[in-house]
Amino acid sequence: VVTNPVHDQTYFRSEGDLIVSVKLEPQLETGDKIVIYLNSNEFVSGESSTYSIKELDRGTYQLRVAIKDAQDKIAISSGTVTFHMRQNAIQNPQNAPRPAIP
């Protein structure tokens, strides 16, 4: 089960890296690995239940997690989680208040 990111949640790049967290029940067996898919592409794999995704551009993403066995076959897969990345807006400097001239 993907515990983070939360489905349909919006995250801001200024908050730092996006943390992907997975809750496993039962635990991995010898030779198993966790595979994170981002927009249907294999993004990262390993034995950790927490991964960090750096510098995602703004937009909407789909993420799912699968467990692959020692023969590299998918044993189980999560549902897809859709999340959104945004960037903080920078105010237009032309519209910023100007200091008064004495």
Protein backbone atom coordinates (compact mmCIF):
# COMPACT_ATOMS: atom_id res chain seq x y z
CA VAL A 1 0.00 0.00 0.00
CA VAL A 2 1.32 3.45 -0.92
CA THR A 3 1.04 5.66 2.19
CA ASN A 4 2.69 8.72 0.61
CA PRO A 5 2.03 10.50 -1.70
CA VAL A 6 -1.67 10.74 -0.92
CA HIS A 7 -4.08 10.25 -3.84
CA ASP A 8 -5.08 13.54 -5.51
CA GLN A 9 -2.89 15.58 -3.14
CA THR A 10 -0.99 18.66 -4.36
CA TYR A 11 2.65 19.08 -3.33
CA PHE A 12 4.88 22.12 -3.78
CA ARG A 13 8.45 21.90 -5.02
CA SER A 14 9.50 24.36 -2.32
CA GLU A 15 8.65 21.71 0.28
CA GLY A 16 11.67 19.70 -0.87
CA ASP A 17 11.89 16.18 -2.18
CA LEU A 18 8.74 14.10 -2.53
CA ILE A 19 8.89 11.15 -0.16
CA VAL A 20 7.34 7.90 -1.36
CA SER A 21 6.38 5.58 1.50
CA VAL A 22 5.10 2.03 1.23
CA LYS A 23 3.52 -0.14 3.92
CA LEU A 24 4.22 -3.83 3.35
CA GLU A 25 2.16 -6.68 4.76
CA PRO A 26 3.68 -9.25 4.81
CA GLN A 27 7.31 -8.16 4.71
CA LEU A 28 9.54 -8.82 1.69
CA GLU A 29 10.83 -12.33 1.26
CA THR A 30 14.44 -13.10 0.35
CA GLY A 31 15.08 -11.99 -3.24
CA ASP A 32 12.01 -9.72 -3.42
CA LYS A 33 12.31 -6.04 -4.25
CA ILE A 34 10.05 -3.00 -4.24
CA VAL A 35 9.67 -1.27 -7.61
CA ILE A 36 8.32 2.28 -7.89
CA TYR A 37 6.68 3.16 -11.20
CA LEU A 38 6.25 6.83 -12.08
CA ASN A 39 3.97 7.54 -15.05
CA SER A 40 4.14 3.83 -16.00
CA ASN A 41 7.97 3.84 -16.14
CA GLU A 42 10.13 1.95 -13.67
CA PHE A 43 11.68 4.72 -11.60
CA VAL A 44 13.58 3.05 -8.75
CA SER A 45 13.80 -0.31 -7.05
CA GLY A 46 15.26 -1.78 -3.89
CA GLU A 47 14.36 -3.16 -0.48
CA SER A 48 13.59 0.11 1.30
CA SER A 49 10.00 1.08 2.05
CA THR A 50 10.84 4.80 1.69
CA TYR A 51 12.23 6.60 -1.36
CA SER A 52 12.91 10.23 -2.18
CA ILE A 53 12.09 11.73 -5.57
CA LYS A 54 14.04 14.89 -6.29
CA GLU A 55 13.08 17.89 -8.40
CA LEU A 56 9.84 16.80 -10.01
CA ASP A 57 8.58 19.36 -12.50
CA ARG A 58 5.12 20.77 -12.03
CA GLY A 59 2.34 18.62 -13.38
CA THR A 60 0.22 15.59 -12.60
CA TYR A 61 1.86 12.24 -11.96
CA GLN A 62 0.76 8.66 -11.50
CA LEU A 63 2.65 6.37 -9.16
CA ARG A 64 2.27 2.71 -8.31
CA VAL A 65 4.35 0.18 -6.43
CA ALA A 66 4.98 -3.45 -7.28
CA ILE A 67 6.79 -6.27 -5.53
CA LYS A 68 8.99 -8.32 -7.86
CA ASP A 69 10.22 -11.75 -6.86
CA ALA A 70 13.70 -13.20 -7.32
CA GLN A 71 12.80 -14.14 -10.91
CA ASP A 72 11.94 -10.47 -11.62
CA LYS A 73 8.23 -11.24 -11.97
CA ILE A 74 5.59 -9.01 -10.42
CA ALA A 75 4.14 -10.81 -7.41
CA ILE A 76 1.75 -8.03 -6.36
CA SER A 77 1.02 -4.45 -7.38
CA SER A 78 -0.66 -1.50 -5.69
CA GLY A 79 -3.36 0.65 -7.18
CA THR A 80 -2.33 3.84 -8.95
CA VAL A 81 -1.95 7.02 -6.91
CA THR A 82 -2.35 10.30 -8.79
CA PHE A 83 -0.69 13.39 -7.30
CA HIS A 84 0.10 16.91 -8.44
CA MET A 85 3.28 18.99 -8.25
CA ARG A 86 3.13 22.76 -8.22
CA GLN A 87 5.63 25.56 -7.95
CA ASN A 88 5.18 28.60 -5.78
CA ALA A 89 4.24 31.63 -7.84
CA ILE A 90 6.58 34.57 -7.91
CA GLN A 91 4.76 37.87 -7.83
CA ASN A 92 5.16 40.05 -10.83
CA PRO A 93 7.83 42.60 -9.80
CA GLN A 94 6.18 45.25 -12.01
CA ASN A 95 3.11 45.12 -9.76
CA ALA A 96 4.98 45.12 -6.46
CA PRO A 97 4.46 48.14 -4.20
CA ARG A 98 7.22 50.69 -4.52
CA PRO A 99 8.72 52.53 -1.57
CA ALA A 100 7.70 56.15 -1.22
CA ILE A 101 10.28 58.69 -2.28
CA PRO A 102 10.77 61.39 0.41
